[in-house]
Amino acid sequence: METRKLGESGLEVSKVGLGCMGMSYGYGPASDKREMINLIRTAFDRGVTFFDTAEAYGPHKNEKLVGEALSPIRDQVVIATKFGIYHNNGKQVLNSKPEQIRKSAEGSLKRLGVERIDLYYQHRVDPDVPIEDVAGTVKDLIKEGKVNHFGMSEAGVQTIRKAHAVQPVTAVQSEYSMWWRKPEEELLPTLEELGIGFVPFSPLGKGFLTGEIDERTEFSKNDFRNIVPRFNKENRKANQDLVKLLGEIAKQKNASKAQIAIAWVLAQKPWIVPIPGTTKLQHLESDIEAAEINLSSSDLNQIETALSKIEIQGARYPKELEERTGN
């Protein structure tokens, strides 16, 4: 697979990465550990060198899975993990105090079985801790050789600027896809100005853009999508126009809907590296093949014209979770 550099940092990764969260957390019961280890190693064999996890996924289970899966090929891959969210009595709590960041880093190093964290994201901005203190703590961890690169997830542009002034930010992670384009308003222009890479999660709209979800789909009890307004039955039905559009483009390109969705994200900027997640081999192979699809300017103009006529229904997060973003 071709590689891309995340902004001006020099960090080079595969054109498409692998989001590992869903293997352990968020989309129903955790998948079989041995199967997921095999899936991660298969991804590497197919050219993927960029793997994403977090302390909060599980919590801790996903880091252990990713660490074990990548241990034989540690020096050939880039592992990203996150700090700033921990679980307390089943609830997520924000904490980016310097002492907590250090504690989290030591825990992640141990669970991943590595001597350094390649890319260390603040998972969500903590309004109780000045971002300069957060960036300064990560800067110290970089000096100590425990972290290589600093990242931020779902942060607002002013916060990113303040952090970047203390410790250069290598990459910002946020949701981005054909059905969530808000990053185009302020975030992408700011990242281009500052030379920061962009790592979109959910480029397939949490599975909706694959065409395999409609109003009849039943999610398992602990699937995160049960609380997402955009995934209620009425909105799933209303948003089928976007799936239909993807199907029309996919037919023209002899590709799948998912592949067109990923190819569209890749076509936006050369410093964008999406991290679709999956637990199934056939989906993994499809996502990887999307890196080979080239959408021309004419294709992109056609898509843009069609997208402008579609109004997506439903919020992407419930209010409580959306309030944690863009800060």
C-alpha atoms as a PDB file:
ATOM      1  CA  MET A   1       0.000   0.000   0.000  1.00  0.00           C
ATOM      2  CA  GLU A   2       1.084   3.557  -0.653  1.00  0.00           C
ATOM      3  CA  THR A   3       2.041   5.688   2.327  1.00  0.00           C
ATOM      4  CA  ARG A   4       1.226   9.243   3.376  1.00  0.00           C
ATOM      5  CA  LYS A   5       2.886  11.718   5.718  1.00  0.00           C
ATOM      6  CA  LEU A   6       0.782  13.249   8.460  1.00  0.00           C
ATOM      7  CA  GLY A   7       1.244  16.942   7.778  1.00  0.00           C
ATOM      8  CA  GLU A   8       4.766  18.297   8.095  1.00  0.00           C
ATOM      9  CA  SER A   9       5.723  16.035  10.990  1.00  0.00           C
ATOM     10  CA  GLY A  10       7.493  13.431   8.883  1.00  0.00           C
ATOM     11  CA  LEU A  11       5.414  10.626  10.430  1.00  0.00           C
ATOM     12  CA  GLU A  12       4.756   8.272   7.518  1.00  0.00           C
ATOM     13  CA  VAL A  13       1.975   5.699   7.661  1.00  0.00           C
ATOM     14  CA  SER A  14      -0.067   3.542   5.319  1.00  0.00           C
ATOM     15  CA  LYS A  15      -2.613   5.420   3.209  1.00  0.00           C
ATOM     16  CA  VAL A  16      -5.412   3.674   5.125  1.00  0.00           C
ATOM     17  CA  GLY A  17      -5.058   2.709   8.785  1.00  0.00           C
ATOM     18  CA  LEU A  18      -7.071   0.393  11.012  1.00  0.00           C
ATOM     19  CA  GLY A  19      -9.270   1.559  13.862  1.00  0.00           C
ATOM     20  CA  CYS A  20      -9.278  -1.224  16.440  1.00  0.00           C
ATOM     21  CA  MET A  21     -11.869   0.037  18.958  1.00  0.00           C
ATOM     22  CA  GLY A  22     -14.778  -2.059  17.705  1.00  0.00           C
ATOM     23  CA  MET A  23     -12.861  -5.268  18.241  1.00  0.00           C
ATOM     24  CA  SER A  24     -13.232  -4.841  22.005  1.00  0.00           C
ATOM     25  CA  TYR A  25     -15.701  -2.059  22.675  1.00  0.00           C
ATOM     26  CA  GLY A  26     -18.508   0.130  21.408  1.00  0.00           C
ATOM     27  CA  TYR A  27     -20.320  -1.999  18.833  1.00  0.00           C
ATOM     28  CA  GLY A  28     -21.663  -4.891  20.861  1.00  0.00           C
ATOM     29  CA  PRO A  29     -19.861  -7.804  22.538  1.00  0.00           C
ATOM     30  CA  ALA A  30     -16.086  -8.022  22.172  1.00  0.00           C
ATOM     31  CA  SER A  31     -14.956 -10.227  19.304  1.00  0.00           C
ATOM     32  CA  ASP A  32     -12.897 -13.369  19.760  1.00  0.00           C
ATOM     33  CA  LYS A  33      -9.378 -12.354  20.784  1.00  0.00           C
ATOM     34  CA  ARG A  34      -7.532 -14.849  18.597  1.00  0.00           C
ATOM     35  CA  GLU A  35      -9.598 -13.911  15.560  1.00  0.00           C
ATOM     36  CA  MET A  36      -8.880 -10.221  16.099  1.00  0.00           C
ATOM     37  CA  ILE A  37      -5.144 -10.845  16.501  1.00  0.00           C
ATOM     38  CA  ASN A  38      -5.220 -12.698  13.192  1.00  0.00           C
ATOM     39  CA  LEU A  39      -7.188  -9.838  11.616  1.00  0.00           C
ATOM     40  CA  ILE A  40      -4.687  -7.217  12.777  1.00  0.00           C
ATOM     41  CA  ARG A  41      -1.771  -9.280  11.494  1.00  0.00           C
ATOM     42  CA  THR A  42      -3.565  -9.832   8.190  1.00  0.00           C
ATOM     43  CA  ALA A  43      -3.984  -6.070   7.910  1.00  0.00           C
ATOM     44  CA  PHE A  44      -0.230  -5.687   8.288  1.00  0.00           C
ATOM     45  CA  ASP A  45       0.382  -8.387   5.675  1.00  0.00           C
ATOM     46  CA  ARG A  46      -1.856  -6.388   3.301  1.00  0.00           C
ATOM     47  CA  GLY A  47       0.166  -3.218   3.847  1.00  0.00           C
ATOM     48  CA  VAL A  48      -1.479  -1.471   6.824  1.00  0.00           C
ATOM     49  CA  THR A  49       1.102   0.063   9.162  1.00  0.00           C
ATOM     50  CA  PHE A  50      -1.085   2.445  11.198  1.00  0.00           C
ATOM     51  CA  PHE A  51      -3.152   1.081  14.101  1.00  0.00           C
ATOM     52  CA  ASP A  52      -5.414   3.074  16.421  1.00  0.00           C
ATOM     53  CA  THR A  53      -6.504   2.249  19.973  1.00  0.00           C
ATOM     54  CA  ALA A  54      -7.104   4.039  23.309  1.00  0.00           C
ATOM     55  CA  GLU A  55      -6.882   3.555  27.041  1.00  0.00           C
ATOM     56  CA  ALA A  56     -10.667   4.027  27.259  1.00  0.00           C
ATOM     57  CA  TYR A  57     -11.548   1.201  24.856  1.00  0.00           C
ATOM     58  CA  GLY A  58     -12.603  -1.629  27.084  1.00  0.00           C
ATOM     59  CA  PRO A  59     -11.231   0.038  29.165  1.00  0.00           C
ATOM     60  CA  HIS A  60      -7.672  -1.261  28.638  1.00  0.00           C
ATOM     61  CA  LYS A  61      -8.716  -4.432  26.757  1.00  0.00           C
ATOM     62  CA  ASN A  62      -8.158  -3.021  23.302  1.00  0.00           C
ATOM     63  CA  GLU A  63      -4.635  -1.795  24.062  1.00  0.00           C
ATOM     64  CA  LYS A  64      -3.703  -5.260  25.319  1.00  0.00           C
ATOM     65  CA  LEU A  65      -5.148  -6.839  22.168  1.00  0.00           C
ATOM     66  CA  VAL A  66      -3.339  -4.447  19.837  1.00  0.00           C
ATOM     67  CA  GLY A  67      -0.083  -4.808  21.757  1.00  0.00           C
ATOM     68  CA  GLU A  68      -0.136  -8.581  21.586  1.00  0.00           C
ATOM     69  CA  ALA A  69      -1.113  -8.616  17.920  1.00  0.00           C
ATOM     70  CA  LEU A  70       1.654  -6.230  16.857  1.00  0.00           C
ATOM     71  CA  SER A  71       4.444  -7.438  19.148  1.00  0.00           C
ATOM     72  CA  PRO A  72       6.198  -9.536  16.451  1.00  0.00           C
ATOM     73  CA  ILE A  73       6.249  -6.561  14.037  1.00  0.00           C
ATOM     74  CA  ARG A  74       6.532  -3.699  16.506  1.00  0.00           C
ATOM     75  CA  ASP A  75       9.287  -1.830  14.672  1.00  0.00           C
ATOM     76  CA  GLN A  76       7.417  -1.919  11.365  1.00  0.00           C
ATOM     77  CA  VAL A  77       4.206  -0.247  12.495  1.00  0.00           C
ATOM     78  CA  VAL A  78       2.896   2.987  14.011  1.00  0.00           C
ATOM     79  CA  ILE A  79       0.669   2.589  17.068  1.00  0.00           C
ATOM     80  CA  ALA A  80      -1.579   5.445  18.166  1.00  0.00           C
ATOM     81  CA  THR A  81      -3.315   5.480  21.526  1.00  0.00           C
ATOM     82  CA  LYS A  82      -5.085   8.081  23.667  1.00  0.00           C
ATOM     83  CA  PHE A  83      -5.270   9.518  27.167  1.00  0.00           C
ATOM     84  CA  GLY A  84      -7.773  11.759  28.906  1.00  0.00           C
ATOM     85  CA  ILE A  85     -10.822   9.533  29.405  1.00  0.00           C
ATOM     86  CA  TYR A  86     -11.164   6.913  32.100  1.00  0.00           C
ATOM     87  CA  HIS A  87     -14.095   4.883  33.402  1.00  0.00           C
ATOM     88  CA  ASN A  88     -15.532   5.436  36.868  1.00  0.00           C
ATOM     89  CA  ASN A  89     -18.460   3.215  37.890  1.00  0.00           C
ATOM     90  CA  GLY A  90     -19.309   2.630  34.255  1.00  0.00           C
ATOM     91  CA  LYS A  91     -19.213   6.319  33.309  1.00  0.00           C
ATOM     92  CA  GLN A  92     -16.604   8.106  31.221  1.00  0.00           C
ATOM     93  CA  VAL A  93     -14.740  10.858  33.082  1.00  0.00           C
ATOM     94  CA  LEU A  94     -12.441  13.464  31.544  1.00  0.00           C
ATOM     95  CA  ASN A  95      -9.054  13.881  33.226  1.00  0.00           C
ATOM     96  CA  SER A  96      -6.019  15.405  31.516  1.00  0.00           C
ATOM     97  CA  LYS A  97      -4.191  16.593  34.612  1.00  0.00           C
ATOM     98  CA  PRO A  98      -0.424  16.236  34.132  1.00  0.00           C
ATOM     99  CA  GLU A  99      -0.100  13.526  36.782  1.00  0.00           C
ATOM    100  CA  GLN A 100      -2.938  11.575  35.164  1.00  0.00           C
ATOM    101  CA  ILE A 101      -1.362  11.873  31.714  1.00  0.00           C
ATOM    102  CA  ARG A 102       1.854  10.391  33.081  1.00  0.00           C
ATOM    103  CA  LYS A 103      -0.059   7.610  34.817  1.00  0.00           C
ATOM    104  CA  SER A 104      -1.975   6.871  31.632  1.00  0.00           C
ATOM    105  CA  ALA A 105       1.202   6.835  29.552  1.00  0.00           C
ATOM    106  CA  GLU A 106       2.870   4.314  31.850  1.00  0.00           C
ATOM    107  CA  GLY A 107      -0.229   2.131  31.714  1.00  0.00           C
ATOM    108  CA  SER A 108      -0.448   2.277  27.941  1.00  0.00           C
ATOM    109  CA  LEU A 109       3.250   1.483  27.522  1.00  0.00           C
ATOM    110  CA  LYS A 110       2.798  -1.589  29.685  1.00  0.00           C
ATOM    111  CA  ARG A 111      -0.411  -2.806  28.047  1.00  0.00           C
ATOM    112  CA  LEU A 112       0.932  -2.259  24.530  1.00  0.00           C
ATOM    113  CA  GLY A 113       4.240  -3.864  25.450  1.00  0.00           C
ATOM    114  CA  VAL A 114       6.251  -1.042  23.886  1.00  0.00           C
ATOM    115  CA  GLU A 115       9.026   1.315  24.957  1.00  0.00           C
ATOM    116  CA  ARG A 116       7.451   4.340  23.299  1.00  0.00           C
ATOM    117  CA  ILE A 117       4.050   5.450  22.064  1.00  0.00           C
ATOM    118  CA  ASP A 118       4.300   6.490  18.430  1.00  0.00           C
ATOM    119  CA  LEU A 119       1.345   8.905  18.431  1.00  0.00           C
ATOM    120  CA  TYR A 120      -0.284   9.968  21.703  1.00  0.00           C
ATOM    121  CA  TYR A 121      -3.638  11.747  21.398  1.00  0.00           C
ATOM    122  CA  GLN A 122      -5.555  13.684  23.999  1.00  0.00           C
ATOM    123  CA  HIS A 123      -8.835  11.788  23.610  1.00  0.00           C
ATOM    124  CA  ARG A 124     -11.067  14.757  24.452  1.00  0.00           C
ATOM    125  CA  VAL A 125     -10.227  18.261  25.652  1.00  0.00           C
ATOM    126  CA  ASP A 126     -10.505  18.586  29.439  1.00  0.00           C
ATOM    127  CA  PRO A 127     -12.055  22.006  30.195  1.00  0.00           C
ATOM    128  CA  ASP A 128     -10.580  21.912  33.713  1.00  0.00           C
ATOM    129  CA  VAL A 129      -6.949  21.704  32.571  1.00  0.00           C
ATOM    130  CA  PRO A 130      -5.215  24.407  30.486  1.00  0.00           C
ATOM    131  CA  ILE A 131      -4.255  22.928  27.140  1.00  0.00           C
ATOM    132  CA  GLU A 132      -0.784  24.443  27.558  1.00  0.00           C
ATOM    133  CA  ASP A 133      -0.280  22.162  30.585  1.00  0.00           C
ATOM    134  CA  VAL A 134      -1.427  19.150  28.581  1.00  0.00           C
ATOM    135  CA  ALA A 135       0.874  19.939  25.653  1.00  0.00           C
ATOM    136  CA  GLY A 136       3.736  20.662  28.038  1.00  0.00           C
ATOM    137  CA  THR A 137       3.339  17.298  29.737  1.00  0.00           C
ATOM    138  CA  VAL A 138       3.366  15.462  26.415  1.00  0.00           C
ATOM    139  CA  LYS A 139       6.394  17.531  25.388  1.00  0.00           C
ATOM    140  CA  ASP A 140       8.193  16.243  28.488  1.00  0.00           C
ATOM    141  CA  LEU A 141       7.195  12.661  27.659  1.00  0.00           C
ATOM    142  CA  ILE A 142       8.646  13.152  24.177  1.00  0.00           C
ATOM    143  CA  LYS A 143      11.916  14.438  25.679  1.00  0.00           C
ATOM    144  CA  GLU A 144      11.993  11.366  27.926  1.00  0.00           C
ATOM    145  CA  GLY A 145      11.611   9.044  24.924  1.00  0.00           C
ATOM    146  CA  LYS A 146       8.248   7.650  26.014  1.00  0.00           C
ATOM    147  CA  VAL A 147       6.257   9.326  23.230  1.00  0.00           C
ATOM    148  CA  ASN A 148       7.207  10.203  19.653  1.00  0.00           C
ATOM    149  CA  HIS A 149       4.339  12.408  18.449  1.00  0.00           C
ATOM    150  CA  PHE A 150       1.521  14.458  19.984  1.00  0.00           C
ATOM    151  CA  GLY A 151      -2.060  14.291  18.705  1.00  0.00           C
ATOM    152  CA  MET A 152      -5.482  15.652  19.609  1.00  0.00           C
ATOM    153  CA  SER A 153      -8.943  14.164  19.104  1.00  0.00           C
ATOM    154  CA  GLU A 154     -12.136  16.143  18.429  1.00  0.00           C
ATOM    155  CA  ALA A 155     -10.517  19.413  19.549  1.00  0.00           C
ATOM    156  CA  GLY A 156     -11.539  22.899  18.454  1.00  0.00           C
ATOM    157  CA  VAL A 157      -9.252  25.025  16.298  1.00  0.00           C
ATOM    158  CA  GLN A 158      -8.335  27.588  18.968  1.00  0.00           C
ATOM    159  CA  THR A 159      -7.343  24.819  21.374  1.00  0.00           C
ATOM    160  CA  ILE A 160      -5.291  23.171  18.645  1.00  0.00           C
ATOM    161  CA  ARG A 161      -3.456  26.437  17.981  1.00  0.00           C
ATOM    162  CA  LYS A 162      -2.638  26.894  21.681  1.00  0.00           C
ATOM    163  CA  ALA A 163      -1.384  23.321  22.019  1.00  0.00           C
ATOM    164  CA  HIS A 164       0.617  23.502  18.788  1.00  0.00           C
ATOM    165  CA  ALA A 165       2.466  26.583  20.081  1.00  0.00           C
ATOM    166  CA  VAL A 166       3.761  24.564  23.047  1.00  0.00           C
ATOM    167  CA  GLN A 167       4.354  21.181  21.397  1.00  0.00           C
ATOM    168  CA  PRO A 168       3.844  20.711  17.644  1.00  0.00           C
ATOM    169  CA  VAL A 169       0.750  18.621  16.975  1.00  0.00           C
ATOM    170  CA  THR A 170       1.388  15.850  14.467  1.00  0.00           C
ATOM    171  CA  ALA A 171      -2.206  14.800  13.830  1.00  0.00           C
ATOM    172  CA  VAL A 172      -5.766  15.627  14.771  1.00  0.00           C
ATOM    173  CA  GLN A 173      -8.371  12.899  14.836  1.00  0.00           C
ATOM    174  CA  SER A 174     -12.051  13.606  14.259  1.00  0.00           C
ATOM    175  CA  GLU A 175     -15.071  12.085  12.631  1.00  0.00           C
ATOM    176  CA  TYR A 176     -15.289  12.848   8.905  1.00  0.00           C
ATOM    177  CA  SER A 177     -17.208  11.290   6.066  1.00  0.00           C
ATOM    178  CA  MET A 178     -19.766  12.058   3.394  1.00  0.00           C
ATOM    179  CA  TRP A 179     -22.388  12.330   6.107  1.00  0.00           C
ATOM    180  CA  TRP A 180     -20.365  14.351   8.629  1.00  0.00           C
ATOM    181  CA  ARG A 181     -18.571  17.211   6.893  1.00  0.00           C
ATOM    182  CA  LYS A 182     -18.303  19.794   9.656  1.00  0.00           C
ATOM    183  CA  PRO A 183     -14.455  19.535   9.734  1.00  0.00           C
ATOM    184  CA  GLU A 184     -14.426  21.260   6.343  1.00  0.00           C
ATOM    185  CA  GLU A 185     -15.669  24.519   7.897  1.00  0.00           C
ATOM    186  CA  GLU A 186     -12.747  25.401  10.197  1.00  0.00           C
ATOM    187  CA  LEU A 187     -10.725  22.344  11.081  1.00  0.00           C
ATOM    188  CA  LEU A 188      -9.270  21.323   7.717  1.00  0.00           C
ATOM    189  CA  PRO A 189      -8.171  24.865   6.752  1.00  0.00           C
ATOM    190  CA  THR A 190      -6.494  25.257  10.145  1.00  0.00           C
ATOM    191  CA  LEU A 191      -4.674  21.923   9.878  1.00  0.00           C
ATOM    192  CA  GLU A 192      -3.458  22.814   6.383  1.00  0.00           C
ATOM    193  CA  GLU A 193      -2.188  26.180   7.637  1.00  0.00           C
ATOM    194  CA  LEU A 194      -0.337  24.617  10.580  1.00  0.00           C
ATOM    195  CA  GLY A 195       0.997  21.575   8.745  1.00  0.00           C
ATOM    196  CA  ILE A 196      -0.909  19.058  10.865  1.00  0.00           C
ATOM    197  CA  GLY A 197      -2.154  15.722   9.539  1.00  0.00           C
ATOM    198  CA  PHE A 198      -5.794  14.625   9.743  1.00  0.00           C
ATOM    199  CA  VAL A 199      -6.940  11.163  10.821  1.00  0.00           C
ATOM    200  CA  PRO A 200     -10.684  10.705  10.219  1.00  0.00           C
ATOM    201  CA  PHE A 201     -12.456   8.029  12.200  1.00  0.00           C
ATOM    202  CA  SER A 202     -15.813   6.605  11.074  1.00  0.00           C
ATOM    203  CA  PRO A 203     -15.203   7.339   7.367  1.00  0.00           C
ATOM    204  CA  LEU A 204     -18.013   4.837   6.747  1.00  0.00           C
ATOM    205  CA  GLY A 205     -20.468   6.672   8.994  1.00  0.00           C
ATOM    206  CA  LYS A 206     -20.285   4.016  11.728  1.00  0.00           C
ATOM    207  CA  GLY A 207     -21.212   1.427   9.125  1.00  0.00           C
ATOM    208  CA  PHE A 208     -24.168   3.251   7.585  1.00  0.00           C
ATOM    209  CA  LEU A 209     -22.394   4.130   4.340  1.00  0.00           C
ATOM    210  CA  THR A 210     -21.724   0.465   3.576  1.00  0.00           C
ATOM    211  CA  GLY A 211     -25.388   0.036   2.659  1.00  0.00           C
ATOM    212  CA  GLU A 212     -25.776  -2.825   5.113  1.00  0.00           C
ATOM    213  CA  ILE A 213     -27.875  -0.816   7.609  1.00  0.00           C
ATOM    214  CA  ASP A 214     -31.474   0.306   7.166  1.00  0.00           C
ATOM    215  CA  GLU A 215     -34.529   0.957   9.335  1.00  0.00           C
ATOM    216  CA  ARG A 216     -34.993  -2.778   9.897  1.00  0.00           C
ATOM    217  CA  THR A 217     -31.505  -3.303  11.344  1.00  0.00           C
ATOM    218  CA  GLU A 218     -31.406  -4.365  15.009  1.00  0.00           C
ATOM    219  CA  PHE A 219     -28.302  -3.434  17.022  1.00  0.00           C
ATOM    220  CA  SER A 220     -27.113  -5.474  19.989  1.00  0.00           C
ATOM    221  CA  LYS A 221     -27.917  -4.167  23.465  1.00  0.00           C
ATOM    222  CA  ASN A 222     -24.538  -2.558  24.156  1.00  0.00           C
ATOM    223  CA  ASP A 223     -24.010  -1.124  20.671  1.00  0.00           C
ATOM    224  CA  PHE A 224     -23.140   2.578  20.893  1.00  0.00           C
ATOM    225  CA  ARG A 225     -25.347   3.370  17.905  1.00  0.00           C
ATOM    226  CA  ASN A 226     -28.466   2.747  20.010  1.00  0.00           C
ATOM    227  CA  ILE A 227     -28.009   6.189  21.604  1.00  0.00           C
ATOM    228  CA  VAL A 228     -27.021   8.059  18.430  1.00  0.00           C
ATOM    229  CA  PRO A 229     -29.899  10.192  17.042  1.00  0.00           C
ATOM    230  CA  ARG A 230     -28.741   9.663  13.471  1.00  0.00           C
ATOM    231  CA  PHE A 231     -29.290   5.935  13.961  1.00  0.00           C
ATOM    232  CA  ASN A 232     -32.890   5.973  15.127  1.00  0.00           C
ATOM    233  CA  LYS A 233     -35.215   4.142  12.755  1.00  0.00           C
ATOM    234  CA  GLU A 234     -36.738   7.262  11.203  1.00  0.00           C
ATOM    235  CA  ASN A 235     -33.362   8.789  10.403  1.00  0.00           C
ATOM    236  CA  ARG A 236     -31.934   5.554   9.075  1.00  0.00           C
ATOM    237  CA  LYS A 237     -34.831   5.458   6.635  1.00  0.00           C
ATOM    238  CA  ALA A 238     -34.537   9.149   5.747  1.00  0.00           C
ATOM    239  CA  ASN A 239     -30.799   8.930   5.077  1.00  0.00           C
ATOM    240  CA  GLN A 240     -31.039   6.149   2.503  1.00  0.00           C
ATOM    241  CA  ASP A 241     -30.735   8.766  -0.246  1.00  0.00           C
ATOM    242  CA  LEU A 242     -27.026   9.020   0.559  1.00  0.00           C
ATOM    243  CA  VAL A 243     -26.633   5.247   0.363  1.00  0.00           C
ATOM    244  CA  LYS A 244     -28.425   5.278  -2.975  1.00  0.00           C
ATOM    245  CA  LEU A 245     -26.000   7.905  -4.273  1.00  0.00           C
ATOM    246  CA  LEU A 246     -23.029   5.818  -3.137  1.00  0.00           C
ATOM    247  CA  GLY A 247     -24.501   2.829  -4.940  1.00  0.00           C
ATOM    248  CA  GLU A 248     -24.766   4.759  -8.206  1.00  0.00           C
ATOM    249  CA  ILE A 249     -21.141   5.932  -8.009  1.00  0.00           C
ATOM    250  CA  ALA A 250     -19.935   2.497  -6.948  1.00  0.00           C
ATOM    251  CA  LYS A 251     -21.577   0.939  -9.978  1.00  0.00           C
ATOM    252  CA  GLN A 252     -19.782   3.386 -12.276  1.00  0.00           C
ATOM    253  CA  LYS A 253     -16.436   2.580 -10.649  1.00  0.00           C
ATOM    254  CA  ASN A 254     -16.991  -1.174 -10.286  1.00  0.00           C
ATOM    255  CA  ALA A 255     -16.471  -0.805  -6.538  1.00  0.00           C
ATOM    256  CA  SER A 256     -18.446  -1.129  -3.313  1.00  0.00           C
ATOM    257  CA  LYS A 257     -20.271   1.673  -1.519  1.00  0.00           C
ATOM    258  CA  ALA A 258     -17.753   1.451   1.334  1.00  0.00           C
ATOM    259  CA  GLN A 259     -14.830   1.768  -1.052  1.00  0.00           C
ATOM    260  CA  ILE A 260     -16.268   4.899  -2.647  1.00  0.00           C
ATOM    261  CA  ALA A 261     -16.863   6.432   0.782  1.00  0.00           C
ATOM    262  CA  ILE A 262     -13.245   5.833   1.803  1.00  0.00           C
ATOM    263  CA  ALA A 263     -11.859   6.902  -1.581  1.00  0.00           C
ATOM    264  CA  TRP A 264     -13.821  10.169  -1.283  1.00  0.00           C
ATOM    265  CA  VAL A 265     -12.208  10.926   2.096  1.00  0.00           C
ATOM    266  CA  LEU A 266      -8.749  10.120   0.715  1.00  0.00           C
ATOM    267  CA  ALA A 267      -9.313  12.415  -2.250  1.00  0.00           C
ATOM    268  CA  GLN A 268      -9.926  15.511  -0.104  1.00  0.00           C
ATOM    269  CA  LYS A 269      -6.302  16.128   0.956  1.00  0.00           C
ATOM    270  CA  PRO A 270      -2.982  14.242   0.577  1.00  0.00           C
ATOM    271  CA  TRP A 271      -2.353  14.492   4.338  1.00  0.00           C
ATOM    272  CA  ILE A 272      -5.565  12.691   5.331  1.00  0.00           C
ATOM    273  CA  VAL A 273      -5.324   9.096   6.576  1.00  0.00           C
ATOM    274  CA  PRO A 274      -8.680   7.484   7.434  1.00  0.00           C
ATOM    275  CA  ILE A 275      -8.883   4.664   9.975  1.00  0.00           C
ATOM    276  CA  PRO A 276     -11.957   2.563   9.183  1.00  0.00           C
ATOM    277  CA  GLY A 277     -12.621  -0.115  11.766  1.00  0.00           C
ATOM    278  CA  THR A 278     -13.870  -3.649  11.237  1.00  0.00           C
ATOM    279  CA  THR A 279     -13.953  -7.119  12.757  1.00  0.00           C
ATOM    280  CA  LYS A 280     -14.473  -8.970   9.470  1.00  0.00           C
ATOM    281  CA  LEU A 281     -11.806 -10.049   6.995  1.00  0.00           C
ATOM    282  CA  GLN A 282     -13.881  -9.310   3.888  1.00  0.00           C
ATOM    283  CA  HIS A 283     -14.501  -5.764   5.111  1.00  0.00           C
ATOM    284  CA  LEU A 284     -10.822  -5.293   5.910  1.00  0.00           C
ATOM    285  CA  GLU A 285      -9.822  -6.338   2.409  1.00  0.00           C
ATOM    286  CA  SER A 286     -12.462  -4.041   0.900  1.00  0.00           C
ATOM    287  CA  ASP A 287     -11.236  -1.073   2.968  1.00  0.00           C
ATOM    288  CA  ILE A 288      -7.643  -1.677   1.934  1.00  0.00           C
ATOM    289  CA  GLU A 289      -8.583  -1.941  -1.741  1.00  0.00           C
ATOM    290  CA  ALA A 290     -10.264   1.469  -1.459  1.00  0.00           C
ATOM    291  CA  ALA A 291      -6.774   2.987  -1.341  1.00  0.00           C
ATOM    292  CA  GLU A 292      -6.355   1.998  -5.001  1.00  0.00           C
ATOM    293  CA  ILE A 293      -9.466   3.832  -6.212  1.00  0.00           C
ATOM    294  CA  ASN A 294      -8.774   7.214  -7.762  1.00  0.00           C
ATOM    295  CA  LEU A 295     -11.610   9.702  -8.043  1.00  0.00           C
ATOM    296  CA  SER A 296     -11.010  12.321 -10.741  1.00  0.00           C
ATOM    297  CA  SER A 297     -11.894  15.984 -10.450  1.00  0.00           C
ATOM    298  CA  SER A 298     -14.916  15.253 -12.585  1.00  0.00           C
ATOM    299  CA  ASP A 299     -15.939  12.424 -10.260  1.00  0.00           C
ATOM    300  CA  LEU A 300     -15.566  14.645  -7.212  1.00  0.00           C
ATOM    301  CA  ASN A 301     -17.545  17.461  -8.810  1.00  0.00           C
ATOM    302  CA  GLN A 302     -20.322  15.013  -9.668  1.00  0.00           C
ATOM    303  CA  ILE A 303     -20.377  13.733  -6.101  1.00  0.00           C
ATOM    304  CA  GLU A 304     -20.337  17.252  -4.651  1.00  0.00           C
ATOM    305  CA  THR A 305     -23.292  18.298  -6.793  1.00  0.00           C
ATOM    306  CA  ALA A 306     -25.264  15.229  -5.698  1.00  0.00           C
ATOM    307  CA  LEU A 307     -24.343  15.634  -2.029  1.00  0.00           C
ATOM    308  CA  SER A 308     -25.483  19.259  -2.049  1.00  0.00           C
ATOM    309  CA  LYS A 309     -29.018  18.050  -2.760  1.00  0.00           C
ATOM    310  CA  ILE A 310     -29.117  15.614   0.164  1.00  0.00           C
ATOM    311  CA  GLU A 311     -29.961  16.805   3.661  1.00  0.00           C
ATOM    312  CA  ILE A 312     -28.708  14.377   6.296  1.00  0.00           C
ATOM    313  CA  GLN A 313     -31.168  13.781   9.138  1.00  0.00           C
ATOM    314  CA  GLY A 314     -30.256  13.390  12.810  1.00  0.00           C
ATOM    315  CA  ALA A 315     -27.406  14.505  15.077  1.00  0.00           C
ATOM    316  CA  ARG A 316     -24.209  12.476  14.975  1.00  0.00           C
ATOM    317  CA  TYR A 317     -23.950  12.313  18.783  1.00  0.00           C
ATOM    318  CA  PRO A 318     -26.372  12.687  21.685  1.00  0.00           C
ATOM    319  CA  LYS A 319     -26.100  16.144  23.262  1.00  0.00           C
ATOM    320  CA  GLU A 320     -23.893  15.039  26.193  1.00  0.00           C
ATOM    321  CA  LEU A 321     -21.225  13.567  23.908  1.00  0.00           C
ATOM    322  CA  GLU A 322     -21.371  16.340  21.311  1.00  0.00           C
ATOM    323  CA  GLU A 323     -20.656  18.879  24.054  1.00  0.00           C
ATOM    324  CA  ARG A 324     -17.267  17.201  24.573  1.00  0.00           C
ATOM    325  CA  THR A 325     -16.187  17.960  21.015  1.00  0.00           C
ATOM    326  CA  GLY A 326     -14.906  21.082  19.309  1.00  0.00           C
ATOM    327  CA  ASN A 327     -13.668  22.633  22.540  1.00  0.00           C
END
